[in-house]
């Protein structure tokens, strides 16, 4: 059976609404994981996961991704032990460095060190197991190092071609390891508004050097710059090559086709990451979530 993930960015949803979508994922045949991105000054992903696990029976739920270096490993270990005990070991620990700063190598090593300390502090009593770990990776070296100690990788905003190049360089230890990828999908009642959201997101990520380099490797950096200029000129046009990375207002078949393309590239856990205009209604978001569920086959 094909597995799919769903990323729910907490700030996009109203009070209690996010749990309606967690229940929808739990009722879906193929959605196996729900991730809560760790947004600065936003709701805390472990707390959201704990509440979500309490109202679901099947899916795994977790952080995607937690900035691990901000946490005390001993306290984090106790939190993980408790949530694993209560949920029947369904929590997933997605971790990353956040902004790596002036010394990325040092920040990465610190993250791995905190993970190791957390694992040592975690106490298993036969009922609670240390969670599956997904590590955010973008470059091959980071991916290779991470997959040696983790159950999965979590990629973000990359094309199927980039994902394939990275996946081909990995030697997965067993078939249970997963390569997940956030696939961003933008929804709005007006197509133009959805396309604007898409281009704005590309432009935002293009400011980060590691993503700009990835976009250059995919030969889309100039297209992003051109599309960004179109925003200021009130001319919204999404280049076709960008539609091979993410979509705006897709129908079920279009979204399924993109998910299939990612799966063929070596992504065995495609994760749909929906974005919405802040003005959209709860009813509209619910329709979009049902479309996502129908596409995950």
C-alpha atoms as a PDB file:
ATOM      1  CA  UNK A   1       0.000   0.000   0.000  1.00  0.00           C
ATOM      2  CA  UNK A   2       1.285   3.460  -0.871  1.00  0.00           C
ATOM      3  CA  UNK A   3       1.846   5.762   2.102  1.00  0.00           C
ATOM      4  CA  UNK A   4       1.314   9.510   2.115  1.00  0.00           C
ATOM      5  CA  UNK A   5       1.895  12.280   4.610  1.00  0.00           C
ATOM      6  CA  UNK A   6       0.076  15.508   5.397  1.00  0.00           C
ATOM      7  CA  UNK A   7       1.744  18.649   6.782  1.00  0.00           C
ATOM      8  CA  UNK A   8      -0.522  20.989   8.723  1.00  0.00           C
ATOM      9  CA  UNK A   9       0.880  24.464   9.327  1.00  0.00           C
ATOM     10  CA  UNK A  10      -0.945  25.494  12.540  1.00  0.00           C
ATOM     11  CA  UNK A  11      -1.244  29.215  11.791  1.00  0.00           C
ATOM     12  CA  UNK A  12      -3.403  28.508   8.725  1.00  0.00           C
ATOM     13  CA  UNK A  13      -6.266  26.953  10.695  1.00  0.00           C
ATOM     14  CA  UNK A  14      -8.934  28.174  13.074  1.00  0.00           C
ATOM     15  CA  UNK A  15      -9.590  27.045  16.606  1.00  0.00           C
ATOM     16  CA  UNK A  16     -10.235  23.292  16.647  1.00  0.00           C
ATOM     17  CA  UNK A  17     -10.282  23.116  12.850  1.00  0.00           C
ATOM     18  CA  UNK A  18      -6.902  21.458  12.688  1.00  0.00           C
ATOM     19  CA  UNK A  19      -8.236  18.469  14.619  1.00  0.00           C
ATOM     20  CA  UNK A  20     -11.033  17.984  12.088  1.00  0.00           C
ATOM     21  CA  UNK A  21      -8.344  17.510   9.448  1.00  0.00           C
ATOM     22  CA  UNK A  22      -6.312  15.191  11.666  1.00  0.00           C
ATOM     23  CA  UNK A  23      -9.423  13.019  12.026  1.00  0.00           C
ATOM     24  CA  UNK A  24      -9.922  13.145   8.257  1.00  0.00           C
ATOM     25  CA  UNK A  25      -6.350  11.914   7.787  1.00  0.00           C
ATOM     26  CA  UNK A  26      -6.917   9.126  10.305  1.00  0.00           C
ATOM     27  CA  UNK A  27      -9.988   8.007   8.359  1.00  0.00           C
ATOM     28  CA  UNK A  28      -8.129   8.050   5.047  1.00  0.00           C
ATOM     29  CA  UNK A  29      -6.927   4.748   3.621  1.00  0.00           C
ATOM     30  CA  UNK A  30      -3.440   5.860   2.648  1.00  0.00           C
ATOM     31  CA  UNK A  31      -2.421   8.857   4.767  1.00  0.00           C
ATOM     32  CA  UNK A  32      -0.033   7.372   7.314  1.00  0.00           C
ATOM     33  CA  UNK A  33       1.716  10.420   8.798  1.00  0.00           C
ATOM     34  CA  UNK A  34       0.774  13.945   9.870  1.00  0.00           C
ATOM     35  CA  UNK A  35       3.536  16.475  10.508  1.00  0.00           C
ATOM     36  CA  UNK A  36       3.232  19.802  12.330  1.00  0.00           C
ATOM     37  CA  UNK A  37       5.904  22.275  11.152  1.00  0.00           C
ATOM     38  CA  UNK A  38       7.693  24.094  13.966  1.00  0.00           C
ATOM     39  CA  UNK A  39       7.013  27.738  13.162  1.00  0.00           C
ATOM     40  CA  UNK A  40       8.820  30.403  15.203  1.00  0.00           C
ATOM     41  CA  UNK A  41       6.422  31.985  17.729  1.00  0.00           C
ATOM     42  CA  UNK A  42       3.717  29.539  16.623  1.00  0.00           C
ATOM     43  CA  UNK A  43       1.957  26.702  18.388  1.00  0.00           C
ATOM     44  CA  UNK A  44       4.265  24.019  19.738  1.00  0.00           C
ATOM     45  CA  UNK A  45       4.360  20.864  17.555  1.00  0.00           C
ATOM     46  CA  UNK A  46       4.779  18.318  20.354  1.00  0.00           C
ATOM     47  CA  UNK A  47       1.701  19.666  22.139  1.00  0.00           C
ATOM     48  CA  UNK A  48      -0.272  19.649  18.898  1.00  0.00           C
ATOM     49  CA  UNK A  49       0.884  16.098  18.223  1.00  0.00           C
ATOM     50  CA  UNK A  50      -0.095  14.920  21.683  1.00  0.00           C
ATOM     51  CA  UNK A  51      -3.608  16.312  21.327  1.00  0.00           C
ATOM     52  CA  UNK A  52      -3.909  14.825  17.823  1.00  0.00           C
ATOM     53  CA  UNK A  53      -2.732  11.383  18.907  1.00  0.00           C
ATOM     54  CA  UNK A  54      -5.386  11.403  21.637  1.00  0.00           C
ATOM     55  CA  UNK A  55      -8.194  11.703  19.068  1.00  0.00           C
ATOM     56  CA  UNK A  56      -6.816   9.283  16.460  1.00  0.00           C
ATOM     57  CA  UNK A  57      -6.228   5.531  16.330  1.00  0.00           C
ATOM     58  CA  UNK A  58      -4.079   4.742  13.304  1.00  0.00           C
ATOM     59  CA  UNK A  59      -1.834   7.470  11.955  1.00  0.00           C
ATOM     60  CA  UNK A  60       1.569   8.551  13.212  1.00  0.00           C
ATOM     61  CA  UNK A  61       1.817  12.221  14.180  1.00  0.00           C
ATOM     62  CA  UNK A  62       4.816  14.362  14.929  1.00  0.00           C
ATOM     63  CA  UNK A  63       7.001  17.398  14.504  1.00  0.00           C
ATOM     64  CA  UNK A  64       8.141  18.400  11.098  1.00  0.00           C
ATOM     65  CA  UNK A  65      10.613  19.664  11.999  1.00  0.00           C
ATOM     66  CA  UNK A  66      11.597  20.500  15.578  1.00  0.00           C
ATOM     67  CA  UNK A  67      14.594  22.794  16.008  1.00  0.00           C
ATOM     68  CA  UNK A  68      16.335  20.305  18.249  1.00  0.00           C
ATOM     69  CA  UNK A  69      19.160  22.506  19.504  1.00  0.00           C
ATOM     70  CA  UNK A  70      16.597  24.695  21.290  1.00  0.00           C
ATOM     71  CA  UNK A  71      15.582  21.811  23.592  1.00  0.00           C
ATOM     72  CA  UNK A  72      17.033  20.342  26.754  1.00  0.00           C
ATOM     73  CA  UNK A  73      17.644  16.650  25.955  1.00  0.00           C
ATOM     74  CA  UNK A  74      16.658  15.353  29.410  1.00  0.00           C
ATOM     75  CA  UNK A  75      13.364  17.218  29.494  1.00  0.00           C
ATOM     76  CA  UNK A  76      12.660  16.318  25.869  1.00  0.00           C
ATOM     77  CA  UNK A  77      13.306  12.637  26.599  1.00  0.00           C
ATOM     78  CA  UNK A  78      10.693  12.652  29.369  1.00  0.00           C
ATOM     79  CA  UNK A  79       8.167  14.349  27.097  1.00  0.00           C
ATOM     80  CA  UNK A  80       8.794  11.796  24.353  1.00  0.00           C
ATOM     81  CA  UNK A  81       8.575   8.896  26.779  1.00  0.00           C
ATOM     82  CA  UNK A  82       5.212  10.121  28.023  1.00  0.00           C
ATOM     83  CA  UNK A  83       3.701  10.746  24.601  1.00  0.00           C
ATOM     84  CA  UNK A  84       4.915   7.366  23.313  1.00  0.00           C
ATOM     85  CA  UNK A  85       3.442   5.593  26.332  1.00  0.00           C
ATOM     86  CA  UNK A  86       0.075   7.317  25.904  1.00  0.00           C
ATOM     87  CA  UNK A  87      -0.153   6.952  22.117  1.00  0.00           C
ATOM     88  CA  UNK A  88       1.050   3.388  21.638  1.00  0.00           C
ATOM     89  CA  UNK A  89       4.321   4.573  20.065  1.00  0.00           C
ATOM     90  CA  UNK A  90       2.724   6.659  17.291  1.00  0.00           C
ATOM     91  CA  UNK A  91       4.738   9.849  17.716  1.00  0.00           C
ATOM     92  CA  UNK A  92       7.288  10.810  15.044  1.00  0.00           C
ATOM     93  CA  UNK A  93      10.236  13.024  15.907  1.00  0.00           C
ATOM     94  CA  UNK A  94      11.054  15.200  12.917  1.00  0.00           C
ATOM     95  CA  UNK A  95      14.134  17.305  13.626  1.00  0.00           C
ATOM     96  CA  UNK A  96      16.256  19.959  11.950  1.00  0.00           C
ATOM     97  CA  UNK A  97      18.694  22.736  12.684  1.00  0.00           C
ATOM     98  CA  UNK A  98      16.570  25.717  11.750  1.00  0.00           C
ATOM     99  CA  UNK A  99      18.696  28.556  10.396  1.00  0.00           C
ATOM    100  CA  UNK A 100      22.206  27.052  10.573  1.00  0.00           C
ATOM    101  CA  UNK A 101      23.958  30.369  11.284  1.00  0.00           C
ATOM    102  CA  UNK A 102      27.531  31.259  10.410  1.00  0.00           C
ATOM    103  CA  UNK A 103      28.889  27.777  11.130  1.00  0.00           C
ATOM    104  CA  UNK A 104      26.441  25.241   9.624  1.00  0.00           C
ATOM    105  CA  UNK A 105      28.731  22.243  10.269  1.00  0.00           C
ATOM    106  CA  UNK A 106      28.934  23.081  13.964  1.00  0.00           C
ATOM    107  CA  UNK A 107      25.156  23.553  14.189  1.00  0.00           C
ATOM    108  CA  UNK A 108      24.540  20.198  12.502  1.00  0.00           C
ATOM    109  CA  UNK A 109      26.936  18.420  14.866  1.00  0.00           C
ATOM    110  CA  UNK A 110      25.191  20.058  17.810  1.00  0.00           C
ATOM    111  CA  UNK A 111      21.841  18.754  16.553  1.00  0.00           C
ATOM    112  CA  UNK A 112      23.212  15.215  16.267  1.00  0.00           C
ATOM    113  CA  UNK A 113      24.696  15.541  19.748  1.00  0.00           C
ATOM    114  CA  UNK A 114      21.371  16.631  21.278  1.00  0.00           C
ATOM    115  CA  UNK A 115      19.642  13.715  19.537  1.00  0.00           C
ATOM    116  CA  UNK A 116      22.174  11.260  20.959  1.00  0.00           C
ATOM    117  CA  UNK A 117      21.792  12.761  24.461  1.00  0.00           C
ATOM    118  CA  UNK A 118      17.998  12.558  24.186  1.00  0.00           C
ATOM    119  CA  UNK A 119      18.170   8.898  23.184  1.00  0.00           C
ATOM    120  CA  UNK A 120      20.482   8.116  26.124  1.00  0.00           C
ATOM    121  CA  UNK A 121      18.133   9.872  28.539  1.00  0.00           C
ATOM    122  CA  UNK A 122      15.029   8.142  27.139  1.00  0.00           C
ATOM    123  CA  UNK A 123      13.882   5.377  29.454  1.00  0.00           C
ATOM    124  CA  UNK A 124      12.051   2.447  27.880  1.00  0.00           C
ATOM    125  CA  UNK A 125       9.932   0.288  30.149  1.00  0.00           C
ATOM    126  CA  UNK A 126       8.710  -2.133  27.519  1.00  0.00           C
ATOM    127  CA  UNK A 127       5.735   0.037  26.578  1.00  0.00           C
ATOM    128  CA  UNK A 128       7.397   3.173  25.224  1.00  0.00           C
ATOM    129  CA  UNK A 129       9.904   3.049  22.376  1.00  0.00           C
ATOM    130  CA  UNK A 130      12.001   5.942  21.155  1.00  0.00           C
ATOM    131  CA  UNK A 131      10.093   7.568  18.279  1.00  0.00           C
ATOM    132  CA  UNK A 132      10.930   7.152  14.623  1.00  0.00           C
ATOM    133  CA  UNK A 133      13.305   9.983  13.724  1.00  0.00           C
ATOM    134  CA  UNK A 134      13.022  11.992  10.506  1.00  0.00           C
ATOM    135  CA  UNK A 135      15.867  14.424   9.830  1.00  0.00           C
ATOM    136  CA  UNK A 136      15.486  17.454   7.579  1.00  0.00           C
ATOM    137  CA  UNK A 137      18.012  17.230   4.767  1.00  0.00           C
ATOM    138  CA  UNK A 138      18.591  19.125   1.560  1.00  0.00           C
ATOM    139  CA  UNK A 139      22.120  18.262   0.468  1.00  0.00           C
ATOM    140  CA  UNK A 140      23.495  14.776  -0.299  1.00  0.00           C
ATOM    141  CA  UNK A 141      26.150  14.817   2.441  1.00  0.00           C
ATOM    142  CA  UNK A 142      23.609  15.718   5.113  1.00  0.00           C
ATOM    143  CA  UNK A 143      21.187  13.126   3.758  1.00  0.00           C
ATOM    144  CA  UNK A 144      23.793  10.345   3.781  1.00  0.00           C
ATOM    145  CA  UNK A 145      24.889  11.161   7.313  1.00  0.00           C
ATOM    146  CA  UNK A 146      21.302  11.401   8.577  1.00  0.00           C
ATOM    147  CA  UNK A 147      20.006   8.159   7.064  1.00  0.00           C
ATOM    148  CA  UNK A 148      22.692   6.259   8.980  1.00  0.00           C
ATOM    149  CA  UNK A 149      21.016   7.106  12.291  1.00  0.00           C
ATOM    150  CA  UNK A 150      17.408   7.898  11.384  1.00  0.00           C
ATOM    151  CA  UNK A 151      14.311   6.089  10.206  1.00  0.00           C
ATOM    152  CA  UNK A 152      13.649   8.728   7.587  1.00  0.00           C
ATOM    153  CA  UNK A 153      14.624  11.924   5.819  1.00  0.00           C
ATOM    154  CA  UNK A 154      12.399  14.933   5.307  1.00  0.00           C
ATOM    155  CA  UNK A 155      13.036  17.017   2.191  1.00  0.00           C
ATOM    156  CA  UNK A 156      11.368  20.319   1.420  1.00  0.00           C
ATOM    157  CA  UNK A 157      10.428  22.246  -1.711  1.00  0.00           C
ATOM    158  CA  UNK A 158      12.516  20.180  -4.104  1.00  0.00           C
ATOM    159  CA  UNK A 159      11.607  18.906  -7.543  1.00  0.00           C
ATOM    160  CA  UNK A 160      11.210  15.213  -8.390  1.00  0.00           C
ATOM    161  CA  UNK A 161      14.437  15.462 -10.409  1.00  0.00           C
ATOM    162  CA  UNK A 162      16.382  16.851  -7.443  1.00  0.00           C
ATOM    163  CA  UNK A 163      14.847  14.228  -5.146  1.00  0.00           C
ATOM    164  CA  UNK A 164      15.907  11.460  -7.529  1.00  0.00           C
ATOM    165  CA  UNK A 165      19.481  12.713  -7.701  1.00  0.00           C
ATOM    166  CA  UNK A 166      19.632  12.741  -3.916  1.00  0.00           C
ATOM    167  CA  UNK A 167      17.846   9.400  -3.422  1.00  0.00           C
ATOM    168  CA  UNK A 168      20.148   7.680  -5.916  1.00  0.00           C
ATOM    169  CA  UNK A 169      23.119   8.593  -3.696  1.00  0.00           C
ATOM    170  CA  UNK A 170      21.660   6.940  -0.597  1.00  0.00           C
ATOM    171  CA  UNK A 171      22.086   3.403   0.613  1.00  0.00           C
ATOM    172  CA  UNK A 172      18.967   2.732   2.659  1.00  0.00           C
ATOM    173  CA  UNK A 173      19.551   0.230   5.446  1.00  0.00           C
ATOM    174  CA  UNK A 174      16.207  -1.491   5.006  1.00  0.00           C
ATOM    175  CA  UNK A 175      12.863  -1.115   3.256  1.00  0.00           C
ATOM    176  CA  UNK A 176      11.248   0.426   6.330  1.00  0.00           C
ATOM    177  CA  UNK A 177      13.269   3.624   5.968  1.00  0.00           C
ATOM    178  CA  UNK A 178      11.387   6.486   4.393  1.00  0.00           C
ATOM    179  CA  UNK A 179      12.342   9.438   2.284  1.00  0.00           C
ATOM    180  CA  UNK A 180       9.635  12.029   2.786  1.00  0.00           C
ATOM    181  CA  UNK A 181       9.210  15.298   0.935  1.00  0.00           C
ATOM    182  CA  UNK A 182       6.969  18.288   1.583  1.00  0.00           C
ATOM    183  CA  UNK A 183       5.031  19.007  -1.596  1.00  0.00           C
ATOM    184  CA  UNK A 184       3.487  22.444  -1.284  1.00  0.00           C
ATOM    185  CA  UNK A 185       0.020  22.960  -2.751  1.00  0.00           C
ATOM    186  CA  UNK A 186      -1.631  26.383  -2.782  1.00  0.00           C
ATOM    187  CA  UNK A 187      -5.385  26.847  -2.588  1.00  0.00           C
ATOM    188  CA  UNK A 188      -7.598  29.908  -2.991  1.00  0.00           C
ATOM    189  CA  UNK A 189     -11.057  30.534  -4.412  1.00  0.00           C
ATOM    190  CA  UNK A 190      -9.493  32.680  -7.104  1.00  0.00           C
ATOM    191  CA  UNK A 191      -6.854  30.958  -9.205  1.00  0.00           C
ATOM    192  CA  UNK A 192      -4.847  34.175  -9.359  1.00  0.00           C
ATOM    193  CA  UNK A 193      -4.662  34.328  -5.545  1.00  0.00           C
ATOM    194  CA  UNK A 194      -3.424  30.743  -5.357  1.00  0.00           C
ATOM    195  CA  UNK A 195      -0.762  31.457  -7.984  1.00  0.00           C
ATOM    196  CA  UNK A 196       0.323  34.569  -6.091  1.00  0.00           C
ATOM    197  CA  UNK A 197       0.766  32.503  -2.923  1.00  0.00           C
ATOM    198  CA  UNK A 198       2.852  29.997  -4.863  1.00  0.00           C
ATOM    199  CA  UNK A 199       5.185  32.591  -6.367  1.00  0.00           C
ATOM    200  CA  UNK A 200       5.556  34.427  -3.060  1.00  0.00           C
ATOM    201  CA  UNK A 201       6.609  31.193  -1.365  1.00  0.00           C
ATOM    202  CA  UNK A 202       9.195  30.449  -4.038  1.00  0.00           C
ATOM    203  CA  UNK A 203      10.537  34.008  -3.738  1.00  0.00           C
ATOM    204  CA  UNK A 204      10.771  33.728   0.048  1.00  0.00           C
ATOM    205  CA  UNK A 205      12.747  30.481  -0.049  1.00  0.00           C
ATOM    206  CA  UNK A 206      14.968  31.708  -2.869  1.00  0.00           C
ATOM    207  CA  UNK A 207      16.456  34.187  -0.376  1.00  0.00           C
ATOM    208  CA  UNK A 208      18.045  31.321   1.561  1.00  0.00           C
ATOM    209  CA  UNK A 209      21.384  30.314   0.078  1.00  0.00           C
ATOM    210  CA  UNK A 210      20.837  26.553   0.358  1.00  0.00           C
ATOM    211  CA  UNK A 211      17.482  26.740  -1.423  1.00  0.00           C
ATOM    212  CA  UNK A 212      18.764  29.192  -4.030  1.00  0.00           C
ATOM    213  CA  UNK A 213      21.522  26.720  -4.851  1.00  0.00           C
ATOM    214  CA  UNK A 214      18.974  23.918  -5.174  1.00  0.00           C
ATOM    215  CA  UNK A 215      16.803  26.074  -7.446  1.00  0.00           C
ATOM    216  CA  UNK A 216      19.875  26.818  -9.555  1.00  0.00           C
ATOM    217  CA  UNK A 217      20.580  23.090  -9.867  1.00  0.00           C
ATOM    218  CA  UNK A 218      16.999  22.625 -11.044  1.00  0.00           C
ATOM    219  CA  UNK A 219      17.365  25.514 -13.535  1.00  0.00           C
ATOM    220  CA  UNK A 220      14.415  27.434 -12.080  1.00  0.00           C
ATOM    221  CA  UNK A 221      16.105  30.286 -10.175  1.00  0.00           C
ATOM    222  CA  UNK A 222      15.759  32.710 -13.108  1.00  0.00           C
ATOM    223  CA  UNK A 223      12.137  31.681 -13.560  1.00  0.00           C
ATOM    224  CA  UNK A 224      11.480  32.463  -9.900  1.00  0.00           C
ATOM    225  CA  UNK A 225      13.064  35.909 -10.263  1.00  0.00           C
ATOM    226  CA  UNK A 226      10.988  36.619 -13.365  1.00  0.00           C
ATOM    227  CA  UNK A 227       7.765  35.424 -11.731  1.00  0.00           C
ATOM    228  CA  UNK A 228       8.504  37.601  -8.692  1.00  0.00           C
ATOM    229  CA  UNK A 229       8.805  40.653 -10.940  1.00  0.00           C
ATOM    230  CA  UNK A 230       5.415  39.786 -12.371  1.00  0.00           C
ATOM    231  CA  UNK A 231       3.893  40.152  -8.902  1.00  0.00           C
ATOM    232  CA  UNK A 232       4.898  43.785  -8.676  1.00  0.00           C
ATOM    233  CA  UNK A 233       3.449  44.354 -12.126  1.00  0.00           C
ATOM    234  CA  UNK A 234       0.161  42.676 -11.181  1.00  0.00           C
ATOM    235  CA  UNK A 235       0.880  40.039 -13.779  1.00  0.00           C
ATOM    236  CA  UNK A 236       0.530  36.566 -12.281  1.00  0.00           C
ATOM    237  CA  UNK A 237       2.020  33.753 -14.323  1.00  0.00           C
ATOM    238  CA  UNK A 238       3.415  30.521 -12.949  1.00  0.00           C
ATOM    239  CA  UNK A 239       6.106  29.062 -15.251  1.00  0.00           C
ATOM    240  CA  UNK A 240       5.458  25.473 -16.265  1.00  0.00           C
ATOM    241  CA  UNK A 241       8.696  24.229 -14.685  1.00  0.00           C
ATOM    242  CA  UNK A 242       7.587  25.489 -11.275  1.00  0.00           C
ATOM    243  CA  UNK A 243       4.407  23.435 -11.629  1.00  0.00           C
ATOM    244  CA  UNK A 244       6.620  20.339 -11.596  1.00  0.00           C
ATOM    245  CA  UNK A 245       7.546  21.223  -8.003  1.00  0.00           C
ATOM    246  CA  UNK A 246       4.245  22.450  -6.563  1.00  0.00           C
ATOM    247  CA  UNK A 247       0.736  23.328  -7.738  1.00  0.00           C
ATOM    248  CA  UNK A 248      -1.981  25.934  -7.320  1.00  0.00           C
ATOM    249  CA  UNK A 249      -5.643  24.916  -7.133  1.00  0.00           C
ATOM    250  CA  UNK A 250      -5.092  21.465  -8.676  1.00  0.00           C
ATOM    251  CA  UNK A 251      -7.902  19.014  -9.266  1.00  0.00           C
ATOM    252  CA  UNK A 252      -7.623  15.487  -7.868  1.00  0.00           C
ATOM    253  CA  UNK A 253      -6.030  14.038 -10.999  1.00  0.00           C
ATOM    254  CA  UNK A 254      -3.415  16.812 -11.254  1.00  0.00           C
ATOM    255  CA  UNK A 255      -2.386  16.404  -7.638  1.00  0.00           C
ATOM    256  CA  UNK A 256      -2.267  12.624  -7.911  1.00  0.00           C
ATOM    257  CA  UNK A 257      -0.087  12.912 -11.009  1.00  0.00           C
ATOM    258  CA  UNK A 258       2.432  15.077  -9.142  1.00  0.00           C
ATOM    259  CA  UNK A 259       2.471  12.680  -6.178  1.00  0.00           C
ATOM    260  CA  UNK A 260       3.105   9.768  -8.540  1.00  0.00           C
ATOM    261  CA  UNK A 261       6.001  11.686 -10.093  1.00  0.00           C
ATOM    262  CA  UNK A 262       7.588  12.212  -6.686  1.00  0.00           C
ATOM    263  CA  UNK A 263       7.102   8.549  -5.784  1.00  0.00           C
ATOM    264  CA  UNK A 264       8.833   7.490  -9.008  1.00  0.00           C
ATOM    265  CA  UNK A 265      11.756   9.735  -8.046  1.00  0.00           C
ATOM    266  CA  UNK A 266      12.394   7.729  -4.868  1.00  0.00           C
ATOM    267  CA  UNK A 267      10.177   9.605  -2.419  1.00  0.00           C
ATOM    268  CA  UNK A 268       8.309   6.772  -0.673  1.00  0.00           C
ATOM    269  CA  UNK A 269       6.441   9.140   1.661  1.00  0.00           C
ATOM    270  CA  UNK A 270       5.147  12.129  -0.346  1.00  0.00           C
ATOM    271  CA  UNK A 271       3.746  14.714   2.087  1.00  0.00           C
ATOM    272  CA  UNK A 272       1.152  17.178   0.859  1.00  0.00           C
ATOM    273  CA  UNK A 273       1.641  20.571   2.479  1.00  0.00           C
ATOM    274  CA  UNK A 274      -1.414  22.749   1.784  1.00  0.00           C
ATOM    275  CA  UNK A 275      -1.330  26.540   1.950  1.00  0.00           C
ATOM    276  CA  UNK A 276      -4.389  28.780   2.012  1.00  0.00           C
ATOM    277  CA  UNK A 277      -5.213  32.434   1.658  1.00  0.00           C
ATOM    278  CA  UNK A 278      -6.030  33.790   5.121  1.00  0.00           C
ATOM    279  CA  UNK A 279      -9.426  34.931   3.869  1.00  0.00           C
ATOM    280  CA  UNK A 280     -10.616  31.461   2.878  1.00  0.00           C
ATOM    281  CA  UNK A 281     -13.478  29.877   4.805  1.00  0.00           C
ATOM    282  CA  UNK A 282     -13.330  26.700   6.851  1.00  0.00           C
ATOM    283  CA  UNK A 283     -15.681  25.117   4.323  1.00  0.00           C
ATOM    284  CA  UNK A 284     -13.216  25.855   1.519  1.00  0.00           C
ATOM    285  CA  UNK A 285     -10.315  24.375   3.469  1.00  0.00           C
ATOM    286  CA  UNK A 286     -12.374  21.282   4.219  1.00  0.00           C
ATOM    287  CA  UNK A 287     -13.077  20.789   0.506  1.00  0.00           C
ATOM    288  CA  UNK A 288      -9.371  21.119  -0.224  1.00  0.00           C
ATOM    289  CA  UNK A 289      -8.523  18.529   2.434  1.00  0.00           C
ATOM    290  CA  UNK A 290     -11.000  16.081   0.951  1.00  0.00           C
ATOM    291  CA  UNK A 291      -9.432  16.641  -2.469  1.00  0.00           C
ATOM    292  CA  UNK A 292      -6.017  15.857  -0.968  1.00  0.00           C
ATOM    293  CA  UNK A 293      -7.333  12.700   0.654  1.00  0.00           C
ATOM    294  CA  UNK A 294      -8.886  11.561  -2.642  1.00  0.00           C
ATOM    295  CA  UNK A 295      -5.602  12.205  -4.480  1.00  0.00           C
ATOM    296  CA  UNK A 296      -3.550  10.092  -2.071  1.00  0.00           C
ATOM    297  CA  UNK A 297      -4.073   6.716  -3.740  1.00  0.00           C
END
